[in-house]
Amino acid sequence: MNFLIELIGFPGAGKTFYSQKLKKKFLLKKIKLIRNDEFFFDYYSNGIINKLIYQNYYKYKKNIKFESKFIFKKQYKNLDSKLNLLIKKFKLKQILSNFKSLLDLTSLNKEAKKRSINNFKIDLCSYY
């Protein structure tokens, strides 16, 4: 049986804190978890070497940021174009625009807003 648990909130609201608590509980019960962003990266990689590259890129994204101008430049461009195609295909521009408007109400700096938007795009497109 598969199901989806989605935690939504502004940066710093406690999503990571509670997801880590849930993760520990699920691991104790031997329930397998896949993060949606990890699923997205895995879905668009094919072949053993490509999978290894995307797995490392995912770790980079998770710890640093999605956009990469040097190491994972090709992978970033590929996934970013996939995101933009999905946003266009499923007519998600308004949802993205609404999220950007909400972010404008926060005190996040430009880089944090960009990171939030990229993560939101991945979350949104993973659903579709």
N, C-alpha and C. Protein backbone atom coordinates (compact mmCIF):
# COMPACT_ATOMS: atom_id res chain seq x y z
N MET A 1 0.85 -1.18 0.00
CA MET A 1 0.00 0.00 0.00
C MET A 1 0.89 1.24 0.00
N ASN A 2 0.64 2.15 -0.92
CA ASN A 2 1.38 3.41 -1.01
C ASN A 2 0.49 4.56 -0.59
N PHE A 3 1.08 5.52 0.09
CA PHE A 3 0.35 6.74 0.39
C PHE A 3 1.31 7.89 0.49
N LEU A 4 0.78 9.08 0.42
CA LEU A 4 1.56 10.30 0.40
C LEU A 4 1.26 11.12 1.64
N ILE A 5 2.33 11.58 2.27
CA ILE A 5 2.19 12.52 3.38
C ILE A 5 2.88 13.80 2.94
N GLU A 6 2.16 14.89 2.97
CA GLU A 6 2.74 16.15 2.54
C GLU A 6 2.69 17.15 3.68
N LEU A 7 3.85 17.74 3.97
CA LEU A 7 3.94 18.78 4.99
C LEU A 7 4.15 20.10 4.26
N ILE A 8 3.29 21.04 4.52
CA ILE A 8 3.33 22.32 3.84
C ILE A 8 3.50 23.43 4.87
N GLY A 9 4.31 24.40 4.53
CA GLY A 9 4.48 25.55 5.41
C GLY A 9 5.64 26.40 4.95
N PHE A 10 5.72 27.59 5.52
CA PHE A 10 6.81 28.50 5.19
C PHE A 10 8.13 27.94 5.71
N PRO A 11 9.25 28.39 5.14
CA PRO A 11 10.55 27.98 5.66
C PRO A 11 10.65 28.33 7.16
N GLY A 12 11.14 27.38 7.93
CA GLY A 12 11.28 27.60 9.37
C GLY A 12 10.05 27.26 10.18
N ALA A 13 9.00 26.74 9.54
CA ALA A 13 7.74 26.45 10.24
C ALA A 13 7.78 25.13 11.01
N GLY A 14 8.78 24.28 10.73
CA GLY A 14 8.90 23.01 11.45
C GLY A 14 8.66 21.78 10.61
N LYS A 15 8.59 21.95 9.28
CA LYS A 15 8.34 20.80 8.40
C LYS A 15 9.44 19.75 8.55
N THR A 16 10.68 20.17 8.50
CA THR A 16 11.80 19.25 8.61
C THR A 16 11.82 18.58 9.98
N PHE A 17 11.58 19.34 11.02
CA PHE A 17 11.56 18.80 12.38
C PHE A 17 10.55 17.66 12.50
N TYR A 18 9.33 17.90 12.05
CA TYR A 18 8.30 16.88 12.16
C TYR A 18 8.51 15.73 11.18
N SER A 19 9.06 16.03 10.02
CA SER A 19 9.32 14.93 9.07
C SER A 19 10.39 14.00 9.61
N GLN A 20 11.38 14.54 10.32
CA GLN A 20 12.41 13.69 10.93
C GLN A 20 11.82 12.81 12.02
N LYS A 21 10.89 13.35 12.78
CA LYS A 21 10.21 12.56 13.82
C LYS A 21 9.40 11.43 13.18
N LEU A 22 8.66 11.75 12.12
CA LEU A 22 7.89 10.73 11.41
C LEU A 22 8.81 9.67 10.80
N LYS A 23 9.92 10.12 10.24
CA LYS A 23 10.86 9.20 9.61
C LYS A 23 11.37 8.17 10.62
N LYS A 24 11.72 8.62 11.82
CA LYS A 24 12.19 7.70 12.87
C LYS A 24 11.12 6.68 13.22
N LYS A 25 9.88 7.13 13.34
CA LYS A 25 8.77 6.22 13.67
C LYS A 25 8.56 5.20 12.55
N PHE A 26 8.61 5.66 11.30
CA PHE A 26 8.40 4.77 10.17
C PHE A 26 9.54 3.75 10.05
N LEU A 27 10.76 4.19 10.29
CA LEU A 27 11.89 3.27 10.21
C LEU A 27 11.78 2.17 11.26
N LEU A 28 11.30 2.53 12.45
CA LEU A 28 11.11 1.53 13.50
C LEU A 28 10.08 0.48 13.08
N LYS A 29 9.11 0.91 12.30
CA LYS A 29 8.06 -0.01 11.83
C LYS A 29 8.39 -0.61 10.46
N LYS A 30 9.63 -0.35 10.00
CA LYS A 30 10.11 -0.87 8.71
C LYS A 30 9.25 -0.43 7.52
N ILE A 31 8.80 0.81 7.56
CA ILE A 31 8.05 1.40 6.46
C ILE A 31 9.02 2.19 5.61
N LYS A 32 9.06 1.90 4.32
CA LYS A 32 9.98 2.56 3.40
C LYS A 32 9.47 3.96 3.05
N LEU A 33 10.37 4.91 3.08
CA LEU A 33 10.03 6.30 2.75
C LEU A 33 10.82 6.75 1.53
N ILE A 34 10.16 7.48 0.67
CA ILE A 34 10.83 8.12 -0.46
C ILE A 34 10.40 9.58 -0.48
N ARG A 35 11.38 10.46 -0.40
CA ARG A 35 11.06 11.89 -0.48
C ARG A 35 10.66 12.22 -1.91
N ASN A 36 9.70 13.13 -2.07
CA ASN A 36 9.23 13.44 -3.42
C ASN A 36 10.31 14.06 -4.29
N ASP A 37 11.20 14.86 -3.71
CA ASP A 37 12.26 15.44 -4.52
C ASP A 37 13.26 14.36 -4.95
N GLU A 38 13.50 13.38 -4.08
CA GLU A 38 14.36 12.26 -4.44
C GLU A 38 13.71 11.45 -5.57
N PHE A 39 12.41 11.24 -5.47
CA PHE A 39 11.68 10.54 -6.52
C PHE A 39 11.79 11.28 -7.85
N PHE A 40 11.65 12.60 -7.81
CA PHE A 40 11.73 13.42 -9.02
C PHE A 40 13.10 13.27 -9.68
N PHE A 41 14.17 13.36 -8.90
CA PHE A 41 15.52 13.22 -9.45
C PHE A 41 15.72 11.82 -10.03
N ASP A 42 15.24 10.81 -9.33
CA ASP A 42 15.40 9.43 -9.79
C ASP A 42 14.59 9.17 -11.06
N TYR A 43 13.41 9.73 -11.14
CA TYR A 43 12.51 9.52 -12.28
C TYR A 43 13.15 9.98 -13.59
N TYR A 44 13.88 11.09 -13.55
CA TYR A 44 14.44 11.67 -14.76
C TYR A 44 15.89 11.24 -15.02
N SER A 45 16.36 10.23 -14.31
CA SER A 45 17.68 9.69 -14.60
C SER A 45 17.52 8.28 -15.15
N ASN A 46 18.34 7.94 -16.11
CA ASN A 46 18.28 6.59 -16.66
C ASN A 46 19.70 6.06 -16.88
N GLY A 47 19.87 4.78 -16.75
CA GLY A 47 21.19 4.18 -16.87
C GLY A 47 21.95 4.25 -15.56
N ILE A 48 22.84 3.34 -15.36
CA ILE A 48 23.56 3.23 -14.08
C ILE A 48 24.41 4.47 -13.80
N ILE A 49 25.17 4.91 -14.78
CA ILE A 49 26.06 6.07 -14.57
C ILE A 49 25.24 7.33 -14.32
N ASN A 50 24.19 7.52 -15.12
CA ASN A 50 23.32 8.68 -14.95
C ASN A 50 22.66 8.66 -13.57
N LYS A 51 22.22 7.49 -13.12
CA LYS A 51 21.59 7.38 -11.79
C LYS A 51 22.58 7.80 -10.70
N LEU A 52 23.84 7.37 -10.83
CA LEU A 52 24.87 7.75 -9.85
C LEU A 52 25.11 9.26 -9.85
N ILE A 53 25.15 9.83 -11.05
CA ILE A 53 25.35 11.28 -11.16
C ILE A 53 24.18 12.02 -10.51
N TYR A 54 22.94 11.59 -10.83
CA TYR A 54 21.76 12.25 -10.27
C TYR A 54 21.63 12.04 -8.77
N GLN A 55 22.08 10.88 -8.27
CA GLN A 55 22.06 10.66 -6.83
C GLN A 55 22.99 11.64 -6.13
N ASN A 56 24.17 11.86 -6.72
CA ASN A 56 25.10 12.83 -6.14
C ASN A 56 24.58 14.26 -6.28
N TYR A 57 23.96 14.53 -7.42
CA TYR A 57 23.35 15.85 -7.62
C TYR A 57 22.23 16.07 -6.60
N TYR A 58 21.44 15.03 -6.32
CA TYR A 58 20.37 15.14 -5.32
C TYR A 58 20.96 15.50 -3.95
N LYS A 59 22.06 14.85 -3.58
CA LYS A 59 22.72 15.17 -2.30
C LYS A 59 23.19 16.62 -2.28
N TYR A 60 23.73 17.07 -3.43
CA TYR A 60 24.16 18.47 -3.56
C TYR A 60 22.97 19.40 -3.38
N LYS A 61 21.87 19.08 -4.06
CA LYS A 61 20.66 19.90 -3.99
C LYS A 61 20.12 19.95 -2.56
N LYS A 62 20.12 18.80 -1.91
CA LYS A 62 19.57 18.70 -0.57
C LYS A 62 20.40 19.50 0.44
N ASN A 63 21.71 19.49 0.27
CA ASN A 63 22.59 20.17 1.23
C ASN A 63 22.96 21.59 0.84
N ILE A 64 22.92 21.89 -0.43
CA ILE A 64 23.35 23.24 -0.85
C ILE A 64 22.22 23.96 -1.57
N LYS A 65 21.97 23.61 -2.84
CA LYS A 65 20.88 24.25 -3.59
C LYS A 65 20.63 23.50 -4.88
N PHE A 66 19.48 23.75 -5.47
CA PHE A 66 19.06 23.09 -6.71
C PHE A 66 19.88 23.59 -7.89
N GLU A 67 20.03 24.91 -7.98
CA GLU A 67 20.75 25.48 -9.12
C GLU A 67 22.24 25.20 -8.99
N SER A 68 22.83 24.73 -10.06
CA SER A 68 24.26 24.46 -10.09
C SER A 68 24.84 25.06 -11.35
N LYS A 69 25.84 25.90 -11.18
CA LYS A 69 26.44 26.56 -12.34
C LYS A 69 27.73 25.87 -12.79
N PHE A 70 28.21 24.92 -11.99
CA PHE A 70 29.48 24.29 -12.31
C PHE A 70 29.39 22.77 -12.37
N ILE A 71 29.33 22.12 -11.23
CA ILE A 71 29.43 20.66 -11.16
C ILE A 71 28.28 19.96 -11.89
N PHE A 72 27.04 20.32 -11.55
CA PHE A 72 25.86 19.65 -12.11
C PHE A 72 25.09 20.56 -13.05
N LYS A 73 25.80 21.36 -13.82
CA LYS A 73 25.16 22.33 -14.70
C LYS A 73 24.20 21.66 -15.69
N LYS A 74 24.65 20.58 -16.33
CA LYS A 74 23.83 19.87 -17.32
C LYS A 74 22.59 19.27 -16.66
N GLN A 75 22.75 18.65 -15.49
CA GLN A 75 21.63 18.04 -14.78
C GLN A 75 20.64 19.10 -14.31
N TYR A 76 21.16 20.23 -13.84
CA TYR A 76 20.27 21.32 -13.40
C TYR A 76 19.41 21.80 -14.57
N LYS A 77 20.07 22.05 -15.71
CA LYS A 77 19.33 22.53 -16.88
C LYS A 77 18.27 21.52 -17.32
N ASN A 78 18.62 20.25 -17.28
CA ASN A 78 17.69 19.20 -17.67
C ASN A 78 16.47 19.18 -16.75
N LEU A 79 16.71 19.12 -15.45
CA LEU A 79 15.58 19.04 -14.51
C LEU A 79 14.77 20.33 -14.48
N ASP A 80 15.44 21.47 -14.59
CA ASP A 80 14.72 22.74 -14.60
C ASP A 80 13.81 22.83 -15.82
N SER A 81 14.30 22.35 -16.97
CA SER A 81 13.44 22.38 -18.17
C SER A 81 12.27 21.41 -18.01
N LYS A 82 12.50 20.26 -17.37
CA LYS A 82 11.40 19.31 -17.11
C LYS A 82 10.35 19.96 -16.21
N LEU A 83 10.81 20.67 -15.18
CA LEU A 83 9.88 21.37 -14.28
C LEU A 83 9.04 22.38 -15.06
N ASN A 84 9.71 23.18 -15.87
CA ASN A 84 8.99 24.22 -16.62
C ASN A 84 8.00 23.62 -17.61
N LEU A 85 8.36 22.48 -18.22
CA LEU A 85 7.43 21.81 -19.12
C LEU A 85 6.20 21.28 -18.37
N LEU A 86 6.44 20.69 -17.20
CA LEU A 86 5.32 20.18 -16.40
C LEU A 86 4.42 21.31 -15.92
N ILE A 87 5.02 22.43 -15.52
CA ILE A 87 4.24 23.58 -15.06
C ILE A 87 3.36 24.10 -16.20
N LYS A 88 3.92 24.14 -17.40
CA LYS A 88 3.14 24.57 -18.56
C LYS A 88 2.06 23.55 -18.92
N LYS A 89 2.45 22.27 -18.97
CA LYS A 89 1.53 21.21 -19.37
C LYS A 89 0.31 21.11 -18.46
N PHE A 90 0.53 21.21 -17.15
CA PHE A 90 -0.57 21.06 -16.20
C PHE A 90 -1.16 22.40 -15.74
N LYS A 91 -0.75 23.48 -16.44
CA LYS A 91 -1.29 24.82 -16.18
C LYS A 91 -1.15 25.20 -14.70
N LEU A 92 0.09 25.14 -14.22
CA LEU A 92 0.38 25.40 -12.80
C LEU A 92 0.99 26.78 -12.57
N LYS A 93 1.02 27.62 -13.60
CA LYS A 93 1.66 28.94 -13.45
C LYS A 93 0.98 29.80 -12.40
N GLN A 94 -0.33 29.71 -12.31
CA GLN A 94 -1.05 30.52 -11.32
C GLN A 94 -0.71 30.08 -9.89
N ILE A 95 -0.62 28.78 -9.69
CA ILE A 95 -0.26 28.27 -8.36
C ILE A 95 1.13 28.75 -8.00
N LEU A 96 2.06 28.68 -8.94
CA LEU A 96 3.42 29.15 -8.71
C LEU A 96 3.44 30.65 -8.43
N SER A 97 2.65 31.38 -9.16
CA SER A 97 2.55 32.83 -8.96
C SER A 97 2.01 33.16 -7.56
N ASN A 98 1.01 32.40 -7.13
CA ASN A 98 0.46 32.61 -5.78
C ASN A 98 1.51 32.32 -4.71
N PHE A 99 2.30 31.27 -4.91
CA PHE A 99 3.34 30.94 -3.95
C PHE A 99 4.38 32.05 -3.89
N LYS A 100 4.75 32.58 -5.05
CA LYS A 100 5.71 33.69 -5.09
C LYS A 100 5.16 34.91 -4.35
N SER A 101 3.87 35.17 -4.50
CA SER A 101 3.24 36.29 -3.78
C SER A 101 3.31 36.09 -2.27
N LEU A 102 3.08 34.86 -1.84
CA LEU A 102 3.20 34.56 -0.40
C LEU A 102 4.63 34.76 0.08
N LEU A 103 5.59 34.33 -0.72
CA LEU A 103 7.00 34.50 -0.32
C LEU A 103 7.38 35.96 -0.21
N ASP A 104 6.77 36.80 -1.04
CA ASP A 104 7.07 38.23 -0.98
C ASP A 104 6.64 38.85 0.35
N LEU A 105 5.75 38.17 1.07
CA LEU A 105 5.32 38.66 2.37
C LEU A 105 6.28 38.29 3.49
N THR A 106 7.27 37.45 3.17
CA THR A 106 8.23 37.02 4.19
C THR A 106 9.46 37.92 4.19
N SER A 107 10.30 37.73 5.18
CA SER A 107 11.53 38.51 5.27
C SER A 107 12.73 37.72 4.73
N LEU A 108 12.47 36.68 3.95
CA LEU A 108 13.55 35.89 3.37
C LEU A 108 14.35 36.71 2.38
N ASN A 109 15.66 36.44 2.31
CA ASN A 109 16.48 37.14 1.32
C ASN A 109 16.24 36.55 -0.06
N LYS A 110 16.81 37.17 -1.07
CA LYS A 110 16.57 36.78 -2.47
C LYS A 110 16.96 35.32 -2.73
N GLU A 111 18.11 34.90 -2.20
CA GLU A 111 18.59 33.53 -2.42
C GLU A 111 17.67 32.50 -1.75
N ALA A 112 17.20 32.80 -0.54
CA ALA A 112 16.29 31.89 0.18
C ALA A 112 14.95 31.79 -0.55
N LYS A 113 14.48 32.91 -1.10
CA LYS A 113 13.23 32.88 -1.87
C LYS A 113 13.39 32.03 -3.12
N LYS A 114 14.52 32.17 -3.78
CA LYS A 114 14.77 31.39 -4.99
C LYS A 114 14.82 29.89 -4.65
N ARG A 115 15.48 29.55 -3.56
CA ARG A 115 15.56 28.16 -3.12
C ARG A 115 14.17 27.62 -2.79
N SER A 116 13.36 28.44 -2.12
CA SER A 116 11.99 28.04 -1.78
C SER A 116 11.15 27.81 -3.02
N ILE A 117 11.29 28.69 -4.00
CA ILE A 117 10.54 28.55 -5.25
C ILE A 117 10.96 27.27 -5.98
N ASN A 118 12.27 27.02 -6.06
CA ASN A 118 12.74 25.80 -6.73
C ASN A 118 12.22 24.56 -6.02
N ASN A 119 12.26 24.53 -4.71
CA ASN A 119 11.76 23.38 -3.95
C ASN A 119 10.25 23.23 -4.14
N PHE A 120 9.54 24.34 -4.17
CA PHE A 120 8.09 24.29 -4.38
C PHE A 120 7.77 23.74 -5.77
N LYS A 121 8.54 24.17 -6.78
CA LYS A 121 8.32 23.66 -8.14
C LYS A 121 8.51 22.14 -8.18
N ILE A 122 9.54 21.65 -7.51
CA ILE A 122 9.79 20.21 -7.49
C ILE A 122 8.64 19.49 -6.78
N ASP A 123 8.22 20.02 -5.63
CA ASP A 123 7.11 19.42 -4.88
C ASP A 123 5.83 19.40 -5.73
N LEU A 124 5.55 20.53 -6.35
CA LEU A 124 4.34 20.66 -7.15
C LEU A 124 4.35 19.68 -8.33
N CYS A 125 5.45 19.64 -9.04
CA CYS A 125 5.55 18.78 -10.22
C CYS A 125 5.63 17.30 -9.85
N SER A 126 6.19 16.98 -8.71
CA SER A 126 6.23 15.58 -8.26
C SER A 126 4.84 15.05 -8.06
N TYR A 127 3.95 15.91 -7.63
CA TYR A 127 2.55 15.49 -7.43
C TYR A 127 1.91 15.10 -8.76
N TYR A 128 2.23 15.86 -9.81
CA TYR A 128 1.62 15.60 -11.11
C TYR A 128 2.41 14.55 -11.88
